[in-house]
Amino acid sequence: MRNRIVWLLVFCGLSASALAQTSFDKYNFNFGVGPGIGRGYVSSFVGNSFQGSAGGGINFNHLFGVDGEYMYYSLGLRPSVSQDDGLPDSSNHLQSISVNGIVTVPRHIGKWGAYGIAGVGFDKRSVSLAHSYPLQSGSICQPPYYTWWGINCYGNNNPQSPPTVNGPQTLGSYSKDAGSYNFGGGVTYRMDSWHHAKLYLEYRRHKAYQSDAATVVWPVTFGLRW
């Protein structure tokens, strides 16, 4: 009888140990901020900027998980663009909602880990002026007018001469929706002071396919995952 009790205790101990080794956090969350590197028209009009993201999801096991994520990306114009193109006091940004797959590298080096991430989503690019004003037909049509503000211009594909406004129009607020994709990866550092929490540094490439002009940004994010 005593031997059976001993073997039962040993079996329970081994089972608990195996369960501990195969257990994982069922849910994941993240929050981070950092610089955004503009590409294409974002590089021309904005340059580098500020962005932030937050999300949460489910882990299927130690390696694979999914999350839903929200990103806000500031598209504040360069001062030279605001002055030269007649766009004072503009307020511009990109908002994105995405569903992403996460693959965690199984091997860690001490407290350091790594992961890859990729997904698809829905983006809204919004631009607005504090005060709308009319554009006269035949006036010079600046690049932000027809790429981000939705102004109909004539000759904007002709590199030999500047485009002109095609008919009387108003320059004010405008938004454009599009599908998007993103991919990238990051490194993590496990914190002992907070159970399961990790600092992370991440780089991604993000592209939204607005029909007037694609919005391409490369977010670099520092934050917390748990």
C-alpha atoms as a PDB file:
ATOM      1  CA  MET A   1       0.000   0.000   0.000  1.00  0.00           C
ATOM      2  CA  ARG A   2       2.826   2.389   0.941  1.00  0.00           C
ATOM      3  CA  ASN A   3       4.600   1.686  -2.371  1.00  0.00           C
ATOM      4  CA  ARG A   4       1.429   2.486  -4.316  1.00  0.00           C
ATOM      5  CA  ILE A   5       1.116   5.820  -2.534  1.00  0.00           C
ATOM      6  CA  VAL A   6       4.767   6.644  -3.306  1.00  0.00           C
ATOM      7  CA  TRP A   7       4.321   5.757  -6.994  1.00  0.00           C
ATOM      8  CA  LEU A   8       1.107   7.788  -7.126  1.00  0.00           C
ATOM      9  CA  LEU A   9       2.916  10.823  -5.675  1.00  0.00           C
ATOM     10  CA  VAL A  10       5.775  10.378  -8.160  1.00  0.00           C
ATOM     11  CA  PHE A  11       3.300  10.094 -11.046  1.00  0.00           C
ATOM     12  CA  CYS A  12       1.442  13.237  -9.937  1.00  0.00           C
ATOM     13  CA  GLY A  13       4.708  15.119  -9.617  1.00  0.00           C
ATOM     14  CA  LEU A  14       5.854  14.099 -13.089  1.00  0.00           C
ATOM     15  CA  SER A  15       2.456  14.992 -14.565  1.00  0.00           C
ATOM     16  CA  ALA A  16       2.493  18.409 -12.923  1.00  0.00           C
ATOM     17  CA  SER A  17       6.022  19.018 -14.186  1.00  0.00           C
ATOM     18  CA  ALA A  18       5.070  18.072 -17.750  1.00  0.00           C
ATOM     19  CA  LEU A  19       1.972  20.260 -17.571  1.00  0.00           C
ATOM     20  CA  ALA A  20       4.055  23.203 -16.386  1.00  0.00           C
ATOM     21  CA  GLN A  21       6.472  22.719 -19.264  1.00  0.00           C
ATOM     22  CA  THR A  22       3.714  22.606 -21.891  1.00  0.00           C
ATOM     23  CA  SER A  23       1.541  25.366 -20.412  1.00  0.00           C
ATOM     24  CA  PHE A  24       1.452  28.789 -22.021  1.00  0.00           C
ATOM     25  CA  ASP A  25      -0.370  32.073 -21.694  1.00  0.00           C
ATOM     26  CA  LYS A  26      -3.674  31.780 -23.528  1.00  0.00           C
ATOM     27  CA  TYR A  27      -3.968  35.495 -24.224  1.00  0.00           C
ATOM     28  CA  ASN A  28      -1.541  38.124 -25.438  1.00  0.00           C
ATOM     29  CA  PHE A  29      -1.557  41.921 -25.225  1.00  0.00           C
ATOM     30  CA  ASN A  30       0.733  44.683 -26.439  1.00  0.00           C
ATOM     31  CA  PHE A  31       1.111  48.433 -26.256  1.00  0.00           C
ATOM     32  CA  GLY A  32       3.883  50.541 -27.756  1.00  0.00           C
ATOM     33  CA  VAL A  33       4.910  53.842 -29.313  1.00  0.00           C
ATOM     34  CA  GLY A  34       7.770  55.054 -31.436  1.00  0.00           C
ATOM     35  CA  PRO A  35       8.921  56.774 -34.608  1.00  0.00           C
ATOM     36  CA  GLY A  36       7.444  56.098 -38.021  1.00  0.00           C
ATOM     37  CA  ILE A  37       9.585  56.155 -41.146  1.00  0.00           C
ATOM     38  CA  GLY A  38       7.682  57.550 -44.117  1.00  0.00           C
ATOM     39  CA  ARG A  39       8.077  56.197 -47.623  1.00  0.00           C
ATOM     40  CA  GLY A  40       6.697  57.386 -50.964  1.00  0.00           C
ATOM     41  CA  TYR A  41       4.380  60.379 -50.594  1.00  0.00           C
ATOM     42  CA  VAL A  42       4.558  60.085 -46.797  1.00  0.00           C
ATOM     43  CA  SER A  43       8.306  60.675 -47.070  1.00  0.00           C
ATOM     44  CA  SER A  44       7.774  63.651 -49.400  1.00  0.00           C
ATOM     45  CA  PHE A  45       5.004  65.366 -47.431  1.00  0.00           C
ATOM     46  CA  VAL A  46       5.673  64.299 -43.834  1.00  0.00           C
ATOM     47  CA  GLY A  47       9.079  62.704 -43.412  1.00  0.00           C
ATOM     48  CA  ASN A  48       9.537  60.737 -40.217  1.00  0.00           C
ATOM     49  CA  SER A  49       6.730  60.958 -37.688  1.00  0.00           C
ATOM     50  CA  PHE A  50       5.186  59.475 -34.526  1.00  0.00           C
ATOM     51  CA  GLN A  51       2.988  56.405 -34.174  1.00  0.00           C
ATOM     52  CA  GLY A  52       1.483  54.172 -31.513  1.00  0.00           C
ATOM     53  CA  SER A  53      -0.261  50.798 -31.441  1.00  0.00           C
ATOM     54  CA  ALA A  54      -2.169  48.531 -29.072  1.00  0.00           C
ATOM     55  CA  GLY A  55      -3.671  45.087 -29.431  1.00  0.00           C
ATOM     56  CA  GLY A  56      -4.642  41.775 -27.956  1.00  0.00           C
ATOM     57  CA  GLY A  57      -5.304  38.214 -29.041  1.00  0.00           C
ATOM     58  CA  ILE A  58      -5.045  34.484 -28.427  1.00  0.00           C
ATOM     59  CA  ASN A  59      -2.072  32.109 -28.323  1.00  0.00           C
ATOM     60  CA  PHE A  60      -2.675  28.640 -29.765  1.00  0.00           C
ATOM     61  CA  ASN A  61       0.551  27.250 -28.279  1.00  0.00           C
ATOM     62  CA  HIS A  62       4.125  28.337 -27.488  1.00  0.00           C
ATOM     63  CA  LEU A  63       4.843  29.146 -31.130  1.00  0.00           C
ATOM     64  CA  PHE A  64       1.701  30.461 -32.817  1.00  0.00           C
ATOM     65  CA  GLY A  65      -0.850  33.119 -31.994  1.00  0.00           C
ATOM     66  CA  VAL A  66      -3.080  35.812 -33.503  1.00  0.00           C
ATOM     67  CA  ASP A  67      -4.011  39.317 -32.435  1.00  0.00           C
ATOM     68  CA  GLY A  68      -6.140  42.256 -33.420  1.00  0.00           C
ATOM     69  CA  GLU A  69      -4.338  45.567 -33.413  1.00  0.00           C
ATOM     70  CA  TYR A  70      -5.027  49.284 -33.739  1.00  0.00           C
ATOM     71  CA  MET A  71      -2.383  51.733 -34.996  1.00  0.00           C
ATOM     72  CA  TYR A  72      -2.463  55.533 -35.061  1.00  0.00           C
ATOM     73  CA  TYR A  73       0.126  57.191 -37.304  1.00  0.00           C
ATOM     74  CA  SER A  74       0.561  60.972 -37.356  1.00  0.00           C
ATOM     75  CA  LEU A  75       0.845  62.548 -40.810  1.00  0.00           C
ATOM     76  CA  GLY A  76       1.760  66.088 -39.806  1.00  0.00           C
ATOM     77  CA  LEU A  77       3.067  67.925 -42.869  1.00  0.00           C
ATOM     78  CA  ARG A  78       6.577  69.313 -43.105  1.00  0.00           C
ATOM     79  CA  PRO A  79       6.580  73.095 -42.442  1.00  0.00           C
ATOM     80  CA  SER A  80       7.911  73.694 -45.957  1.00  0.00           C
ATOM     81  CA  VAL A  81       5.025  71.714 -47.488  1.00  0.00           C
ATOM     82  CA  SER A  82       2.441  73.552 -45.364  1.00  0.00           C
ATOM     83  CA  GLN A  83       3.787  76.953 -46.371  1.00  0.00           C
ATOM     84  CA  ASP A  84       4.671  76.358 -50.019  1.00  0.00           C
ATOM     85  CA  ASP A  85       1.513  74.400 -50.887  1.00  0.00           C
ATOM     86  CA  GLY A  86      -0.945  76.576 -48.978  1.00  0.00           C
ATOM     87  CA  LEU A  87      -1.912  74.018 -46.324  1.00  0.00           C
ATOM     88  CA  PRO A  88      -1.650  75.861 -42.984  1.00  0.00           C
ATOM     89  CA  ASP A  89      -2.916  74.320 -39.744  1.00  0.00           C
ATOM     90  CA  SER A  90      -3.642  70.932 -41.299  1.00  0.00           C
ATOM     91  CA  SER A  91      -4.491  67.922 -39.150  1.00  0.00           C
ATOM     92  CA  ASN A  92      -3.656  64.589 -40.770  1.00  0.00           C
ATOM     93  CA  HIS A  93      -3.321  60.987 -39.653  1.00  0.00           C
ATOM     94  CA  LEU A  94      -3.593  57.324 -40.628  1.00  0.00           C
ATOM     95  CA  GLN A  95      -5.631  54.847 -38.575  1.00  0.00           C
ATOM     96  CA  SER A  96      -5.328  51.104 -39.093  1.00  0.00           C
ATOM     97  CA  ILE A  97      -7.095  48.009 -37.738  1.00  0.00           C
ATOM     98  CA  SER A  98      -5.412  44.701 -38.576  1.00  0.00           C
ATOM     99  CA  VAL A  99      -5.520  40.988 -37.825  1.00  0.00           C
ATOM    100  CA  ASN A 100      -2.033  39.492 -37.488  1.00  0.00           C
ATOM    101  CA  GLY A 101      -0.400  36.127 -37.112  1.00  0.00           C
ATOM    102  CA  ILE A 102       2.499  35.875 -34.637  1.00  0.00           C
ATOM    103  CA  VAL A 103       5.253  33.238 -34.771  1.00  0.00           C
ATOM    104  CA  THR A 104       7.530  33.066 -31.738  1.00  0.00           C
ATOM    105  CA  VAL A 105      11.080  31.787 -32.185  1.00  0.00           C
ATOM    106  CA  PRO A 106      11.186  28.655 -29.982  1.00  0.00           C
ATOM    107  CA  ARG A 107      14.730  29.140 -28.755  1.00  0.00           C
ATOM    108  CA  HIS A 108      15.577  31.888 -26.247  1.00  0.00           C
ATOM    109  CA  ILE A 109      18.947  33.289 -25.229  1.00  0.00           C
ATOM    110  CA  GLY A 110      18.611  33.944 -21.533  1.00  0.00           C
ATOM    111  CA  LYS A 111      15.842  36.522 -21.180  1.00  0.00           C
ATOM    112  CA  TRP A 112      15.983  37.442 -24.866  1.00  0.00           C
ATOM    113  CA  GLY A 113      13.480  36.181 -27.432  1.00  0.00           C
ATOM    114  CA  ALA A 114      12.306  36.989 -30.942  1.00  0.00           C
ATOM    115  CA  TYR A 115       9.167  36.753 -33.062  1.00  0.00           C
ATOM    116  CA  GLY A 116       7.800  37.448 -36.533  1.00  0.00           C
ATOM    117  CA  ILE A 117       4.473  39.090 -37.306  1.00  0.00           C
ATOM    118  CA  ALA A 118       2.375  39.641 -40.457  1.00  0.00           C
ATOM    119  CA  GLY A 119      -1.218  40.512 -41.206  1.00  0.00           C
ATOM    120  CA  VAL A 120      -3.876  42.305 -43.220  1.00  0.00           C
ATOM    121  CA  GLY A 121      -6.180  45.120 -42.271  1.00  0.00           C
ATOM    122  CA  PHE A 122      -8.314  48.145 -43.043  1.00  0.00           C
ATOM    123  CA  ASP A 123      -6.902  51.706 -43.065  1.00  0.00           C
ATOM    124  CA  LYS A 124      -8.356  55.216 -43.125  1.00  0.00           C
ATOM    125  CA  ARG A 125      -6.171  58.167 -44.107  1.00  0.00           C
ATOM    126  CA  SER A 126      -7.715  61.479 -43.001  1.00  0.00           C
ATOM    127  CA  VAL A 127      -6.598  65.029 -43.807  1.00  0.00           C
ATOM    128  CA  SER A 128      -8.234  68.324 -42.911  1.00  0.00           C
ATOM    129  CA  LEU A 129      -7.656  72.086 -42.741  1.00  0.00           C
ATOM    130  CA  ALA A 130      -8.734  74.376 -39.937  1.00  0.00           C
ATOM    131  CA  HIS A 131     -10.478  76.546 -42.536  1.00  0.00           C
ATOM    132  CA  SER A 132     -11.620  75.377 -45.983  1.00  0.00           C
ATOM    133  CA  TYR A 133     -11.012  77.635 -48.969  1.00  0.00           C
ATOM    134  CA  PRO A 134     -11.921  77.581 -52.675  1.00  0.00           C
ATOM    135  CA  LEU A 135      -9.581  76.685 -55.519  1.00  0.00           C
ATOM    136  CA  GLN A 136     -10.074  78.449 -58.820  1.00  0.00           C
ATOM    137  CA  SER A 137     -10.198  76.493 -62.056  1.00  0.00           C
ATOM    138  CA  GLY A 138      -6.815  76.569 -63.812  1.00  0.00           C
ATOM    139  CA  SER A 139      -4.826  77.399 -60.676  1.00  0.00           C
ATOM    140  CA  ILE A 140      -1.709  75.380 -59.858  1.00  0.00           C
ATOM    141  CA  CYS A 141      -2.595  72.012 -58.327  1.00  0.00           C
ATOM    142  CA  GLN A 142       0.025  71.071 -55.730  1.00  0.00           C
ATOM    143  CA  PRO A 143       0.891  67.344 -55.251  1.00  0.00           C
ATOM    144  CA  PRO A 144      -0.883  67.035 -51.863  1.00  0.00           C
ATOM    145  CA  TYR A 145      -4.076  68.367 -53.458  1.00  0.00           C
ATOM    146  CA  TYR A 146      -4.583  65.418 -55.804  1.00  0.00           C
ATOM    147  CA  THR A 147      -2.841  62.703 -53.784  1.00  0.00           C
ATOM    148  CA  TRP A 148      -4.312  63.295 -50.294  1.00  0.00           C
ATOM    149  CA  TRP A 149      -7.045  65.960 -50.545  1.00  0.00           C
ATOM    150  CA  GLY A 150      -9.044  64.427 -53.408  1.00  0.00           C
ATOM    151  CA  ILE A 151      -8.872  67.478 -55.680  1.00  0.00           C
ATOM    152  CA  ASN A 152      -9.537  66.740 -59.352  1.00  0.00           C
ATOM    153  CA  CYS A 153      -6.585  68.098 -61.322  1.00  0.00           C
ATOM    154  CA  TYR A 154      -5.729  68.229 -65.001  1.00  0.00           C
ATOM    155  CA  GLY A 155      -2.288  67.112 -66.174  1.00  0.00           C
ATOM    156  CA  ASN A 156      -1.051  65.671 -62.869  1.00  0.00           C
ATOM    157  CA  ASN A 157       0.600  62.820 -64.807  1.00  0.00           C
ATOM    158  CA  ASN A 158       2.448  65.207 -67.148  1.00  0.00           C
ATOM    159  CA  PRO A 159       5.994  65.861 -65.867  1.00  0.00           C
ATOM    160  CA  GLN A 160       6.553  68.644 -68.458  1.00  0.00           C
ATOM    161  CA  SER A 161       4.202  71.170 -66.835  1.00  0.00           C
ATOM    162  CA  PRO A 162       2.572  71.635 -63.416  1.00  0.00           C
ATOM    163  CA  PRO A 163      -0.988  70.293 -63.108  1.00  0.00           C
ATOM    164  CA  THR A 164      -3.928  72.661 -62.784  1.00  0.00           C
ATOM    165  CA  VAL A 165      -7.211  72.498 -60.883  1.00  0.00           C
ATOM    166  CA  ASN A 166      -9.929  71.039 -63.106  1.00  0.00           C
ATOM    167  CA  GLY A 167     -12.965  73.208 -62.339  1.00  0.00           C
ATOM    168  CA  PRO A 168     -13.831  75.192 -59.179  1.00  0.00           C
ATOM    169  CA  GLN A 169     -13.344  73.063 -56.047  1.00  0.00           C
ATOM    170  CA  THR A 170     -12.947  73.436 -52.282  1.00  0.00           C
ATOM    171  CA  LEU A 171      -9.878  72.412 -50.316  1.00  0.00           C
ATOM    172  CA  GLY A 172     -10.935  71.252 -46.870  1.00  0.00           C
ATOM    173  CA  SER A 173     -11.332  67.821 -45.253  1.00  0.00           C
ATOM    174  CA  TYR A 174     -10.979  64.479 -46.987  1.00  0.00           C
ATOM    175  CA  SER A 175     -10.516  60.813 -46.085  1.00  0.00           C
ATOM    176  CA  LYS A 176      -9.727  57.667 -48.039  1.00  0.00           C
ATOM    177  CA  ASP A 177     -10.225  54.026 -47.009  1.00  0.00           C
ATOM    178  CA  ALA A 178      -8.209  51.055 -48.221  1.00  0.00           C
ATOM    179  CA  GLY A 179      -7.059  47.551 -47.461  1.00  0.00           C
ATOM    180  CA  SER A 180      -3.546  47.113 -46.133  1.00  0.00           C
ATOM    181  CA  TYR A 181      -0.900  44.588 -45.194  1.00  0.00           C
ATOM    182  CA  ASN A 182       2.011  44.598 -42.773  1.00  0.00           C
ATOM    183  CA  PHE A 183       4.923  42.357 -41.874  1.00  0.00           C
ATOM    184  CA  GLY A 184       7.975  42.517 -39.640  1.00  0.00           C
ATOM    185  CA  GLY A 185       9.487  41.182 -36.465  1.00  0.00           C
ATOM    186  CA  GLY A 186      10.843  42.066 -33.085  1.00  0.00           C
ATOM    187  CA  VAL A 187      12.984  41.117 -30.110  1.00  0.00           C
ATOM    188  CA  THR A 188      11.765  40.782 -26.530  1.00  0.00           C
ATOM    189  CA  TYR A 189      13.345  40.973 -23.081  1.00  0.00           C
ATOM    190  CA  ARG A 190      11.598  39.162 -20.234  1.00  0.00           C
ATOM    191  CA  MET A 191      11.060  41.213 -17.055  1.00  0.00           C
ATOM    192  CA  ASP A 192      11.348  39.438 -13.714  1.00  0.00           C
ATOM    193  CA  SER A 193       9.564  42.219 -11.847  1.00  0.00           C
ATOM    194  CA  TRP A 194       6.274  41.597 -13.678  1.00  0.00           C
ATOM    195  CA  HIS A 195       5.117  38.034 -14.344  1.00  0.00           C
ATOM    196  CA  HIS A 196       5.087  37.162 -18.077  1.00  0.00           C
ATOM    197  CA  ALA A 197       5.705  40.790 -19.158  1.00  0.00           C
ATOM    198  CA  LYS A 198       8.317  41.540 -21.809  1.00  0.00           C
ATOM    199  CA  LEU A 199       9.802  44.692 -23.223  1.00  0.00           C
ATOM    200  CA  TYR A 200       9.845  44.632 -27.002  1.00  0.00           C
ATOM    201  CA  LEU A 201      11.425  46.466 -29.918  1.00  0.00           C
ATOM    202  CA  GLU A 202       9.709  45.890 -33.262  1.00  0.00           C
ATOM    203  CA  TYR A 203      10.084  46.942 -36.887  1.00  0.00           C
ATOM    204  CA  ARG A 204       7.379  46.550 -39.517  1.00  0.00           C
ATOM    205  CA  ARG A 205       6.584  47.517 -43.098  1.00  0.00           C
ATOM    206  CA  HIS A 206       3.025  48.727 -43.564  1.00  0.00           C
ATOM    207  CA  LYS A 207       1.291  49.597 -46.842  1.00  0.00           C
ATOM    208  CA  ALA A 208      -2.286  50.785 -47.431  1.00  0.00           C
ATOM    209  CA  TYR A 209      -3.588  50.753 -50.989  1.00  0.00           C
ATOM    210  CA  GLN A 210      -5.583  53.996 -51.263  1.00  0.00           C
ATOM    211  CA  SER A 211      -6.654  54.488 -54.881  1.00  0.00           C
ATOM    212  CA  ASP A 212      -5.268  58.036 -55.133  1.00  0.00           C
ATOM    213  CA  ALA A 213      -1.849  57.229 -53.629  1.00  0.00           C
ATOM    214  CA  ALA A 214      -0.651  54.302 -51.520  1.00  0.00           C
ATOM    215  CA  THR A 215       0.309  55.137 -47.933  1.00  0.00           C
ATOM    216  CA  VAL A 216       3.605  53.439 -47.040  1.00  0.00           C
ATOM    217  CA  VAL A 217       5.078  53.647 -43.523  1.00  0.00           C
ATOM    218  CA  TRP A 218       7.652  51.690 -41.554  1.00  0.00           C
ATOM    219  CA  PRO A 219       6.762  51.811 -37.818  1.00  0.00           C
ATOM    220  CA  VAL A 220       9.498  51.232 -35.237  1.00  0.00           C
ATOM    221  CA  THR A 221       7.815  50.433 -31.925  1.00  0.00           C
ATOM    222  CA  PHE A 222       9.072  50.128 -28.347  1.00  0.00           C
ATOM    223  CA  GLY A 223       6.680  48.905 -25.687  1.00  0.00           C
ATOM    224  CA  LEU A 224       5.365  46.123 -23.511  1.00  0.00           C
ATOM    225  CA  ARG A 225       4.021  42.650 -24.328  1.00  0.00           C
ATOM    226  CA  TRP A 226       2.367  40.346 -21.809  1.00  0.00           C
END
